[in-house]
């Protein structure tokens, strides 16, 4: 009986660990780890920053909004349509989502302290997102060995 209980606990532990790993995207090219899922709803920039700084995912707590440059790493540049109205999704596979909307960057637009860059989920275009509500996809630095 004890052996069965230990086996069940071990299986439950392994499933939990694998589940946590499924919640993140490991990008070994950039040494970044991303939350696989976006926040459940769009929010204002300050709320998105708090969302990421309070996120506990995959056993770690050092999440933040990505920089503009980090957001750009999720795009396949050769597939990005120059038309800002395009709905071609030029993202690397794990970053594709089937909703329209925007993702916040943690980077301020030059000259505007209260304006972040946002990326449109439909086409990867990044622009001044002052006044926008957007989703958060959090990121953290990680060293992959």
Foldseek 3Di string as FASTA:
>chain_A
DVVVVVVVVVVVVVVVLVVLVVQWDQDQVQQKIKGLDWPPDWAFPVVLQVCQQDDQTSNDRRKGFAAPVVLVVQFPVVQFDPDPVAQDQRGPPSLQDDDWFWEWHPDADPPDPQWTWIATNRGGDIDTQRPGTGIYMIMDGHHDD
